[in-house]
Amino acid sequence: MRWLPAVLWCAVVLLIFYFSSQAGSPENSAGWIRALLAQFAPTLAEQITEAQLHMLNYIFRKTGHGTGYFLLTLLGCWAFRGSFGMERAHALRWAIASSLLRAVIDEIHQAFVPGRTGTIVDVGIDAIGIGIAAWLIYRRQPKRLTSRR
């Protein structure tokens, strides 16, 4: 049970790598969105324009970036604490640093995948997810007692 956080953290790292390795990924996700709309909102699926589908796909993909790195940071902090025994503040710093490094490496990797591009904008979106996770973790930390004299 002690290694569960580290295993889950590694699984998310591998999942991010898998998704960033998919050639022509924007076209694939647009197809998924169109299929979901056809299944759950057929009238909307018939009426949506290509421009609207493109925008919906863009929002879906960028939300995925932020959410993926949000989860990576949460799991990273849990892994560094639970599996590697770090104290909370140190684990949070490692989770932030490793997630940011992974975001940069992911964009460099995407630059070499056919039909993909690596962009600093995506690193920024990833950083927003990382920042939100870090803020939530930080807020959960117990306040240090200070003596007033």
Protein backbone atom coordinates (compact mmCIF):
# COMPACT_ATOMS: atom_id res chain seq x y z
CA MET A 1 0.00 0.00 0.00
CA ARG A 2 2.95 2.31 0.63
CA TRP A 3 3.83 2.32 -3.10
CA LEU A 4 0.31 2.99 -4.39
CA PRO A 5 0.83 6.79 -4.63
CA ALA A 6 4.08 6.33 -6.58
CA VAL A 7 2.49 3.77 -8.91
CA LEU A 8 -0.47 6.06 -9.63
CA TRP A 9 1.86 9.01 -10.18
CA CYS A 10 3.94 6.98 -12.66
CA ALA A 11 0.73 5.84 -14.38
CA VAL A 12 -0.29 9.47 -14.99
CA VAL A 13 3.20 10.29 -16.31
CA LEU A 14 2.88 7.38 -18.75
CA LEU A 15 -0.66 8.38 -19.71
CA ILE A 16 0.51 11.92 -20.52
CA PHE A 17 3.33 10.44 -22.61
CA TYR A 18 0.87 8.18 -24.43
CA PHE A 19 -1.48 11.05 -25.32
CA SER A 20 1.37 13.31 -26.41
CA SER A 21 2.67 10.55 -28.70
CA GLN A 22 -0.54 10.34 -30.75
CA ALA A 23 -0.02 11.64 -34.29
CA GLY A 24 -2.84 13.83 -35.56
CA SER A 25 -4.35 13.92 -32.10
CA PRO A 26 -6.49 17.05 -32.65
CA GLU A 27 -8.40 15.30 -35.43
CA ASN A 28 -8.92 12.24 -33.23
CA SER A 29 -10.37 14.23 -30.34
CA ALA A 30 -12.66 16.15 -32.73
CA GLY A 31 -14.01 12.79 -33.87
CA TRP A 32 -14.64 11.74 -30.26
CA ILE A 33 -16.48 14.98 -29.55
CA ARG A 34 -18.62 14.60 -32.66
CA ALA A 35 -19.44 10.97 -31.69
CA LEU A 36 -20.35 12.00 -28.12
CA LEU A 37 -22.58 14.77 -29.41
CA ALA A 38 -24.27 12.37 -31.84
CA GLN A 39 -24.91 9.95 -28.97
CA PHE A 40 -26.11 12.41 -26.31
CA ALA A 41 -27.26 15.48 -28.25
CA PRO A 42 -28.08 14.40 -31.82
CA THR A 43 -29.81 17.65 -32.75
CA LEU A 44 -26.79 19.65 -31.62
CA ALA A 45 -24.47 17.27 -33.49
CA GLU A 46 -26.37 17.97 -36.71
CA GLN A 47 -26.32 21.74 -36.22
CA ILE A 48 -22.74 22.29 -35.03
CA THR A 49 -20.50 24.01 -37.58
CA GLU A 50 -16.89 23.04 -38.23
CA ALA A 51 -15.75 26.29 -36.61
CA GLN A 52 -17.80 25.54 -33.48
CA LEU A 53 -16.49 21.97 -33.38
CA HIS A 54 -12.95 23.30 -33.73
CA MET A 55 -13.48 25.70 -30.79
CA LEU A 56 -15.11 23.00 -28.65
CA ASN A 57 -12.22 20.66 -29.46
CA TYR A 58 -9.69 23.37 -28.55
CA ILE A 59 -11.38 24.00 -25.20
CA PHE A 60 -11.61 20.25 -24.53
CA ARG A 61 -7.91 19.71 -25.31
CA LYS A 62 -6.65 22.67 -23.28
CA THR A 63 -8.85 21.70 -20.33
CA GLY A 64 -7.28 18.25 -20.61
CA HIS A 65 -3.82 19.80 -20.35
CA GLY A 66 -4.63 21.70 -17.17
CA THR A 67 -6.50 18.79 -15.62
CA GLY A 68 -3.74 16.30 -16.42
CA TYR A 69 -1.06 18.38 -14.75
CA PHE A 70 -3.38 19.23 -11.85
CA LEU A 71 -3.73 15.48 -11.20
CA LEU A 72 -0.02 14.87 -11.78
CA THR A 73 0.86 17.46 -9.13
CA LEU A 74 -1.65 16.10 -6.59
CA LEU A 75 -0.44 12.54 -7.12
CA GLY A 76 3.18 13.69 -7.12
CA CYS A 77 2.81 15.34 -3.73
CA TRP A 78 1.04 12.25 -2.38
CA ALA A 79 3.76 10.00 -3.85
CA PHE A 80 6.65 12.06 -2.48
CA ARG A 81 5.01 12.06 0.97
CA GLY A 82 3.47 8.61 1.14
CA SER A 83 5.89 6.52 -0.89
CA PHE A 84 9.14 8.40 -0.35
CA GLY A 85 8.53 9.76 3.17
CA MET A 86 9.16 13.44 2.48
CA GLU A 87 7.70 16.10 4.72
CA ARG A 88 4.77 18.03 3.25
CA ALA A 89 6.48 21.26 2.11
CA HIS A 90 9.40 19.39 0.56
CA ALA A 91 7.03 16.96 -1.20
CA LEU A 92 5.03 19.89 -2.59
CA ARG A 93 8.17 21.54 -3.98
CA TRP A 94 9.23 18.28 -5.65
CA ALA A 95 5.73 17.74 -7.06
CA ILE A 96 5.69 21.24 -8.56
CA ALA A 97 9.21 20.99 -9.98
CA SER A 98 8.73 17.51 -11.44
CA SER A 99 5.37 18.44 -12.97
CA LEU A 100 6.77 21.59 -14.58
CA LEU A 101 9.75 19.65 -15.90
CA ARG A 102 7.40 17.00 -17.30
CA ALA A 103 5.32 19.74 -18.99
CA VAL A 104 8.39 21.16 -20.74
CA ILE A 105 9.66 17.72 -21.76
CA ASP A 106 6.18 16.84 -23.05
CA GLU A 107 6.07 19.87 -25.34
CA ILE A 108 9.58 19.18 -26.64
CA HIS A 109 8.52 15.59 -27.31
CA GLN A 110 5.40 16.74 -29.17
CA ALA A 111 7.53 18.84 -31.50
CA PHE A 112 8.89 15.57 -32.93
CA VAL A 113 5.52 13.80 -33.29
CA PRO A 114 3.93 14.03 -36.77
CA GLY A 115 0.87 16.29 -36.76
CA ARG A 116 1.72 17.75 -33.34
CA THR A 117 3.44 20.89 -32.17
CA GLY A 118 5.09 21.82 -28.91
CA THR A 119 4.04 25.21 -27.62
CA ILE A 120 4.89 27.42 -24.68
CA VAL A 121 1.15 28.17 -24.40
CA ASP A 122 0.52 24.55 -23.45
CA VAL A 123 3.27 24.72 -20.82
CA GLY A 124 1.50 27.80 -19.45
CA ILE A 125 -1.83 25.95 -19.33
CA ASP A 126 -0.09 23.02 -17.63
CA ALA A 127 1.43 25.48 -15.13
CA ILE A 128 -2.05 26.79 -14.30
CA GLY A 129 -3.17 23.24 -13.44
CA ILE A 130 0.01 22.75 -11.39
CA GLY A 131 -0.53 26.06 -9.62
CA ILE A 132 -4.13 25.29 -8.69
CA ALA A 133 -3.11 21.89 -7.30
CA ALA A 134 -0.23 23.45 -5.35
CA TRP A 135 -2.52 26.14 -3.95
CA LEU A 136 -5.06 23.54 -2.81
CA ILE A 137 -2.34 21.41 -1.20
CA TYR A 138 -0.83 24.47 0.48
CA ARG A 139 -4.23 25.56 1.83
CA ARG A 140 -4.73 22.14 3.43
CA GLN A 141 -1.51 22.47 5.40
CA PRO A 142 -2.09 23.06 9.07
CA LYS A 143 -1.25 26.57 10.14
CA ARG A 144 1.92 26.80 12.16
CA LEU A 145 1.40 27.87 15.72
CA THR A 146 3.33 30.95 16.62
CA SER A 147 3.68 32.22 20.12
CA ARG A 148 2.95 35.87 20.70
CA ARG A 149 4.65 37.56 23.58
